[in-house]
Amino acid sequence: MEFSFTTILTYLLGLNGVISICAYTPQIYKLITSTGRSEAVSIMSWLLWLWTGTVALCYAIFVLKDIPLIIVDTIGFIGVVAVLGLTIWNRYYRFPSLPKGVSTTAAKTYHLPQNA
């Protein structure tokens, strides 16, 4: 079997999907198990990555019509949406009454107000 440059790139593109899953999973896990408002995560950065991921996915779907690229871009898009959504959820819905930088553990220790 002969491996051309484009064949190698096709396999590498498939590997990008696996790498994306490996990259997003720890961040998503940390956000799910977070005990605070996730202040260290930049919502603006993730909004920009959402924009670039959306444009790339739309280009893959409507212009290139390339199934492997659509799959990889969809995986990346889902990862960005998950991180952004969990960050917003932690910051504004899950822990809205905690002061910035305070975890639920610290709030309980120092008897600070918490959300129900």
N, C-alpha and C. Protein backbone atom coordinates (compact mmCIF):
# COMPACT_ATOMS: atom_id res chain seq x y z
N MET A 1 0.85 -1.18 0.00
CA MET A 1 0.00 0.00 0.00
C MET A 1 0.89 1.24 0.00
N GLU A 2 0.63 2.11 -0.93
CA GLU A 2 1.43 3.33 -1.05
C GLU A 2 0.73 4.47 -0.30
N PHE A 3 1.50 5.19 0.47
CA PHE A 3 0.96 6.32 1.22
C PHE A 3 1.36 7.61 0.55
N SER A 4 0.39 8.29 -0.01
CA SER A 4 0.65 9.60 -0.61
C SER A 4 0.51 10.66 0.47
N PHE A 5 0.91 11.86 0.15
CA PHE A 5 0.81 12.98 1.08
C PHE A 5 -0.64 13.21 1.48
N THR A 6 -1.56 13.15 0.53
CA THR A 6 -2.98 13.37 0.85
C THR A 6 -3.55 12.24 1.70
N THR A 7 -3.08 11.01 1.50
CA THR A 7 -3.53 9.90 2.33
C THR A 7 -3.09 10.10 3.77
N ILE A 8 -1.87 10.51 3.94
CA ILE A 8 -1.34 10.78 5.29
C ILE A 8 -2.13 11.90 5.94
N LEU A 9 -2.41 12.97 5.19
CA LEU A 9 -3.19 14.08 5.74
C LEU A 9 -4.60 13.64 6.13
N THR A 10 -5.18 12.74 5.37
CA THR A 10 -6.52 12.23 5.69
C THR A 10 -6.49 11.47 7.01
N TYR A 11 -5.48 10.64 7.22
CA TYR A 11 -5.35 9.93 8.49
C TYR A 11 -5.09 10.90 9.65
N LEU A 12 -4.28 11.90 9.40
CA LEU A 12 -4.01 12.90 10.44
C LEU A 12 -5.28 13.68 10.79
N LEU A 13 -6.11 13.96 9.80
CA LEU A 13 -7.37 14.65 10.07
C LEU A 13 -8.25 13.80 10.98
N GLY A 14 -8.31 12.51 10.71
CA GLY A 14 -9.05 11.61 11.58
C GLY A 14 -8.50 11.59 12.99
N LEU A 15 -7.20 11.66 13.10
CA LEU A 15 -6.55 11.70 14.41
C LEU A 15 -6.91 12.99 15.16
N ASN A 16 -7.14 14.07 14.43
CA ASN A 16 -7.54 15.34 15.07
C ASN A 16 -8.83 15.19 15.86
N GLY A 17 -9.76 14.39 15.37
CA GLY A 17 -10.99 14.16 16.11
C GLY A 17 -10.73 13.50 17.45
N VAL A 18 -9.86 12.50 17.46
CA VAL A 18 -9.50 11.81 18.70
C VAL A 18 -8.76 12.76 19.64
N ILE A 19 -7.84 13.54 19.09
CA ILE A 19 -7.10 14.51 19.90
C ILE A 19 -8.04 15.54 20.51
N SER A 20 -9.02 16.00 19.73
CA SER A 20 -9.99 16.97 20.25
C SER A 20 -10.76 16.41 21.43
N ILE A 21 -11.21 15.17 21.30
CA ILE A 21 -11.94 14.55 22.41
C ILE A 21 -11.05 14.46 23.65
N CYS A 22 -9.80 14.06 23.45
CA CYS A 22 -8.85 13.97 24.58
C CYS A 22 -8.58 15.34 25.19
N ALA A 23 -8.58 16.37 24.37
CA ALA A 23 -8.30 17.72 24.87
C ALA A 23 -9.48 18.33 25.62
N TYR A 24 -10.68 18.13 25.13
CA TYR A 24 -11.85 18.74 25.76
C TYR A 24 -12.32 18.00 27.01
N THR A 25 -12.13 16.70 27.06
CA THR A 25 -12.67 15.89 28.16
C THR A 25 -12.21 16.35 29.55
N PRO A 26 -10.92 16.59 29.79
CA PRO A 26 -10.52 17.03 31.13
C PRO A 26 -11.13 18.38 31.53
N GLN A 27 -11.23 19.30 30.58
CA GLN A 27 -11.81 20.61 30.87
C GLN A 27 -13.30 20.48 31.19
N ILE A 28 -14.00 19.67 30.42
CA ILE A 28 -15.42 19.45 30.67
C ILE A 28 -15.62 18.78 32.03
N TYR A 29 -14.79 17.80 32.36
CA TYR A 29 -14.87 17.14 33.66
C TYR A 29 -14.65 18.14 34.80
N LYS A 30 -13.64 18.99 34.66
CA LYS A 30 -13.36 19.99 35.70
C LYS A 30 -14.53 20.95 35.88
N LEU A 31 -15.17 21.33 34.79
CA LEU A 31 -16.30 22.24 34.88
C LEU A 31 -17.51 21.56 35.51
N ILE A 32 -17.72 20.29 35.21
CA ILE A 32 -18.84 19.55 35.80
C ILE A 32 -18.65 19.37 37.30
N THR A 33 -17.41 19.11 37.72
CA THR A 33 -17.13 18.86 39.15
C THR A 33 -16.70 20.12 39.90
N SER A 34 -16.79 21.25 39.26
CA SER A 34 -16.35 22.51 39.87
C SER A 34 -17.15 22.82 41.13
N THR A 35 -16.48 23.46 42.08
CA THR A 35 -17.16 23.90 43.30
C THR A 35 -17.24 25.42 43.36
N GLY A 36 -16.98 26.05 42.26
CA GLY A 36 -17.03 27.51 42.22
C GLY A 36 -17.49 28.01 40.87
N ARG A 37 -17.34 29.30 40.66
CA ARG A 37 -17.89 29.99 39.49
C ARG A 37 -17.06 29.85 38.22
N SER A 38 -15.98 29.10 38.24
CA SER A 38 -15.13 28.89 37.05
C SER A 38 -14.63 30.21 36.48
N GLU A 39 -14.19 31.09 37.35
CA GLU A 39 -13.73 32.42 36.95
C GLU A 39 -12.47 32.36 36.09
N ALA A 40 -11.67 31.30 36.22
CA ALA A 40 -10.42 31.22 35.46
C ALA A 40 -10.65 30.92 33.98
N VAL A 41 -11.85 30.52 33.62
CA VAL A 41 -12.15 30.22 32.22
C VAL A 41 -12.65 31.50 31.55
N SER A 42 -12.00 31.89 30.47
CA SER A 42 -12.36 33.12 29.76
C SER A 42 -13.53 32.87 28.82
N ILE A 43 -14.68 33.46 29.13
CA ILE A 43 -15.84 33.31 28.27
C ILE A 43 -15.58 33.96 26.91
N MET A 44 -14.90 35.10 26.88
CA MET A 44 -14.62 35.77 25.61
C MET A 44 -13.78 34.90 24.68
N SER A 45 -12.77 34.24 25.22
CA SER A 45 -11.95 33.34 24.39
C SER A 45 -12.80 32.22 23.81
N TRP A 46 -13.63 31.61 24.64
CA TRP A 46 -14.46 30.50 24.16
C TRP A 46 -15.52 30.98 23.18
N LEU A 47 -16.01 32.22 23.31
CA LEU A 47 -16.93 32.77 22.31
C LEU A 47 -16.22 32.94 20.97
N LEU A 48 -14.98 33.39 21.01
CA LEU A 48 -14.21 33.52 19.76
C LEU A 48 -13.95 32.15 19.13
N TRP A 49 -13.63 31.15 19.95
CA TRP A 49 -13.43 29.80 19.42
C TRP A 49 -14.74 29.23 18.88
N LEU A 50 -15.87 29.60 19.51
CA LEU A 50 -17.17 29.18 18.99
C LEU A 50 -17.40 29.78 17.60
N TRP A 51 -17.06 31.06 17.44
CA TRP A 51 -17.20 31.72 16.14
C TRP A 51 -16.34 31.03 15.08
N THR A 52 -15.06 30.83 15.38
CA THR A 52 -14.18 30.23 14.37
C THR A 52 -14.59 28.78 14.07
N GLY A 53 -15.02 28.06 15.09
CA GLY A 53 -15.47 26.69 14.89
C GLY A 53 -16.75 26.61 14.07
N THR A 54 -17.65 27.57 14.29
CA THR A 54 -18.89 27.62 13.52
C THR A 54 -18.62 27.91 12.05
N VAL A 55 -17.74 28.89 11.79
CA VAL A 55 -17.39 29.22 10.41
C VAL A 55 -16.72 28.03 9.73
N ALA A 56 -15.79 27.38 10.42
CA ALA A 56 -15.09 26.23 9.84
C ALA A 56 -16.07 25.09 9.55
N LEU A 57 -16.99 24.83 10.47
CA LEU A 57 -17.97 23.76 10.27
C LEU A 57 -18.90 24.09 9.10
N CYS A 58 -19.37 25.31 9.04
CA CYS A 58 -20.24 25.71 7.93
C CYS A 58 -19.51 25.62 6.59
N TYR A 59 -18.25 26.00 6.56
CA TYR A 59 -17.45 25.90 5.34
C TYR A 59 -17.29 24.44 4.92
N ALA A 60 -17.04 23.59 5.89
CA ALA A 60 -16.89 22.16 5.59
C ALA A 60 -18.20 21.57 5.07
N ILE A 61 -19.32 22.02 5.63
CA ILE A 61 -20.63 21.47 5.22
C ILE A 61 -21.07 22.02 3.86
N PHE A 62 -21.03 23.34 3.71
CA PHE A 62 -21.67 23.96 2.56
C PHE A 62 -20.75 24.19 1.36
N VAL A 63 -19.44 24.30 1.60
CA VAL A 63 -18.52 24.56 0.49
C VAL A 63 -17.76 23.29 0.11
N LEU A 64 -17.06 22.71 1.07
CA LEU A 64 -16.23 21.54 0.77
C LEU A 64 -17.03 20.25 0.66
N LYS A 65 -18.09 20.15 1.46
CA LYS A 65 -18.90 18.93 1.51
C LYS A 65 -18.03 17.69 1.75
N ASP A 66 -17.11 17.84 2.67
CA ASP A 66 -16.13 16.79 2.97
C ASP A 66 -16.51 16.13 4.29
N ILE A 67 -16.97 14.89 4.23
CA ILE A 67 -17.49 14.19 5.41
C ILE A 67 -16.46 14.06 6.54
N PRO A 68 -15.22 13.62 6.29
CA PRO A 68 -14.26 13.53 7.41
C PRO A 68 -14.02 14.90 8.08
N LEU A 69 -13.93 15.95 7.30
CA LEU A 69 -13.72 17.28 7.88
C LEU A 69 -14.96 17.73 8.66
N ILE A 70 -16.12 17.42 8.15
CA ILE A 70 -17.36 17.76 8.85
C ILE A 70 -17.41 17.05 10.20
N ILE A 71 -17.02 15.79 10.24
CA ILE A 71 -17.03 15.04 11.50
C ILE A 71 -16.05 15.64 12.50
N VAL A 72 -14.84 15.93 12.06
CA VAL A 72 -13.83 16.50 12.97
C VAL A 72 -14.26 17.89 13.45
N ASP A 73 -14.76 18.72 12.54
CA ASP A 73 -15.21 20.06 12.93
C ASP A 73 -16.41 20.00 13.87
N THR A 74 -17.29 19.01 13.68
CA THR A 74 -18.43 18.84 14.57
C THR A 74 -17.98 18.45 15.97
N ILE A 75 -16.99 17.57 16.07
CA ILE A 75 -16.45 17.19 17.38
C ILE A 75 -15.89 18.42 18.08
N GLY A 76 -15.11 19.23 17.37
CA GLY A 76 -14.57 20.44 17.95
C GLY A 76 -15.66 21.42 18.36
N PHE A 77 -16.68 21.57 17.52
CA PHE A 77 -17.80 22.46 17.82
C PHE A 77 -18.52 22.03 19.09
N ILE A 78 -18.77 20.73 19.22
CA ILE A 78 -19.45 20.20 20.41
C ILE A 78 -18.59 20.46 21.66
N GLY A 79 -17.28 20.26 21.55
CA GLY A 79 -16.39 20.52 22.68
C GLY A 79 -16.42 21.98 23.12
N VAL A 80 -16.39 22.89 22.16
CA VAL A 80 -16.43 24.32 22.48
C VAL A 80 -17.76 24.69 23.13
N VAL A 81 -18.85 24.20 22.56
CA VAL A 81 -20.18 24.49 23.12
C VAL A 81 -20.30 23.93 24.54
N ALA A 82 -19.76 22.74 24.78
CA ALA A 82 -19.82 22.14 26.12
C ALA A 82 -19.05 22.98 27.13
N VAL A 83 -17.82 23.36 26.79
CA VAL A 83 -17.01 24.16 27.72
C VAL A 83 -17.66 25.52 27.97
N LEU A 84 -18.08 26.17 26.92
CA LEU A 84 -18.71 27.49 27.05
C LEU A 84 -20.01 27.39 27.85
N GLY A 85 -20.82 26.41 27.52
CA GLY A 85 -22.09 26.25 28.24
C GLY A 85 -21.90 25.93 29.72
N LEU A 86 -20.97 25.04 30.03
CA LEU A 86 -20.73 24.71 31.44
C LEU A 86 -20.13 25.90 32.20
N THR A 87 -19.29 26.67 31.54
CA THR A 87 -18.72 27.85 32.20
C THR A 87 -19.82 28.85 32.53
N ILE A 88 -20.68 29.12 31.57
CA ILE A 88 -21.80 30.06 31.81
C ILE A 88 -22.74 29.51 32.87
N TRP A 89 -23.00 28.22 32.81
CA TRP A 89 -23.88 27.59 33.80
C TRP A 89 -23.30 27.72 35.21
N ASN A 90 -21.99 27.42 35.36
CA ASN A 90 -21.36 27.53 36.67
C ASN A 90 -21.37 28.97 37.17
N ARG A 91 -21.05 29.89 36.30
CA ARG A 91 -20.87 31.27 36.72
C ARG A 91 -22.18 31.99 37.01
N TYR A 92 -23.20 31.75 36.22
CA TYR A 92 -24.41 32.56 36.33
C TYR A 92 -25.64 31.81 36.82
N TYR A 93 -25.62 30.49 36.85
CA TYR A 93 -26.79 29.74 37.28
C TYR A 93 -26.52 28.80 38.45
N ARG A 94 -25.41 28.09 38.41
CA ARG A 94 -25.10 27.10 39.45
C ARG A 94 -24.59 27.77 40.72
N PHE A 95 -23.69 28.75 40.58
CA PHE A 95 -23.10 29.43 41.74
C PHE A 95 -23.24 30.95 41.61
N PRO A 96 -24.43 31.47 41.35
CA PRO A 96 -24.53 32.91 41.08
C PRO A 96 -24.30 33.79 42.28
N SER A 97 -24.59 33.31 43.49
CA SER A 97 -24.49 34.18 44.67
C SER A 97 -23.12 34.13 45.35
N LEU A 98 -22.24 33.25 44.88
CA LEU A 98 -20.91 33.21 45.48
C LEU A 98 -20.10 34.42 45.03
N PRO A 99 -19.36 35.03 45.95
CA PRO A 99 -18.46 36.11 45.52
C PRO A 99 -17.41 35.56 44.57
N LYS A 100 -16.88 36.42 43.71
CA LYS A 100 -15.85 36.00 42.76
C LYS A 100 -14.70 35.33 43.50
N GLY A 101 -14.24 34.19 42.97
CA GLY A 101 -13.07 33.51 43.51
C GLY A 101 -13.33 32.67 44.75
N VAL A 102 -14.59 32.52 45.18
CA VAL A 102 -14.90 31.75 46.38
C VAL A 102 -15.60 30.47 45.97
N SER A 103 -15.13 29.33 46.48
CA SER A 103 -15.76 28.05 46.18
C SER A 103 -16.86 27.77 47.19
N THR A 104 -17.69 26.76 46.92
CA THR A 104 -18.74 26.40 47.88
C THR A 104 -18.13 25.89 49.18
N THR A 105 -16.97 25.25 49.10
CA THR A 105 -16.30 24.76 50.31
C THR A 105 -15.90 25.94 51.20
N ALA A 106 -15.31 26.97 50.62
CA ALA A 106 -14.92 28.16 51.39
C ALA A 106 -16.16 28.87 51.93
N ALA A 107 -17.21 28.93 51.14
CA ALA A 107 -18.44 29.58 51.60
C ALA A 107 -19.01 28.88 52.81
N LYS A 108 -18.98 27.55 52.83
CA LYS A 108 -19.49 26.80 53.97
C LYS A 108 -18.57 26.99 55.19
N THR A 109 -17.27 26.99 54.96
CA THR A 109 -16.31 27.13 56.05
C THR A 109 -16.45 28.49 56.73
N TYR A 110 -16.61 29.53 55.94
CA TYR A 110 -16.67 30.89 56.49
C TYR A 110 -18.10 31.41 56.59
N HIS A 111 -19.07 30.53 56.42
CA HIS A 111 -20.49 30.87 56.55
C HIS A 111 -20.90 32.03 55.64
N LEU A 112 -20.41 32.00 54.41
CA LEU A 112 -20.80 33.00 53.43
C LEU A 112 -22.12 32.58 52.79
N PRO A 113 -22.89 33.57 52.28
CA PRO A 113 -24.16 33.19 51.63
C PRO A 113 -23.91 32.37 50.38
N GLN A 114 -24.75 31.37 50.17
CA GLN A 114 -24.67 30.50 48.99
C GLN A 114 -26.04 30.43 48.35
N ASN A 115 -26.07 30.01 47.10
CA ASN A 115 -27.37 29.76 46.48
C ASN A 115 -27.91 28.43 46.99
N ALA A 116 -29.22 28.26 46.88
CA ALA A 116 -29.86 27.06 47.41
C ALA A 116 -29.52 25.82 46.65
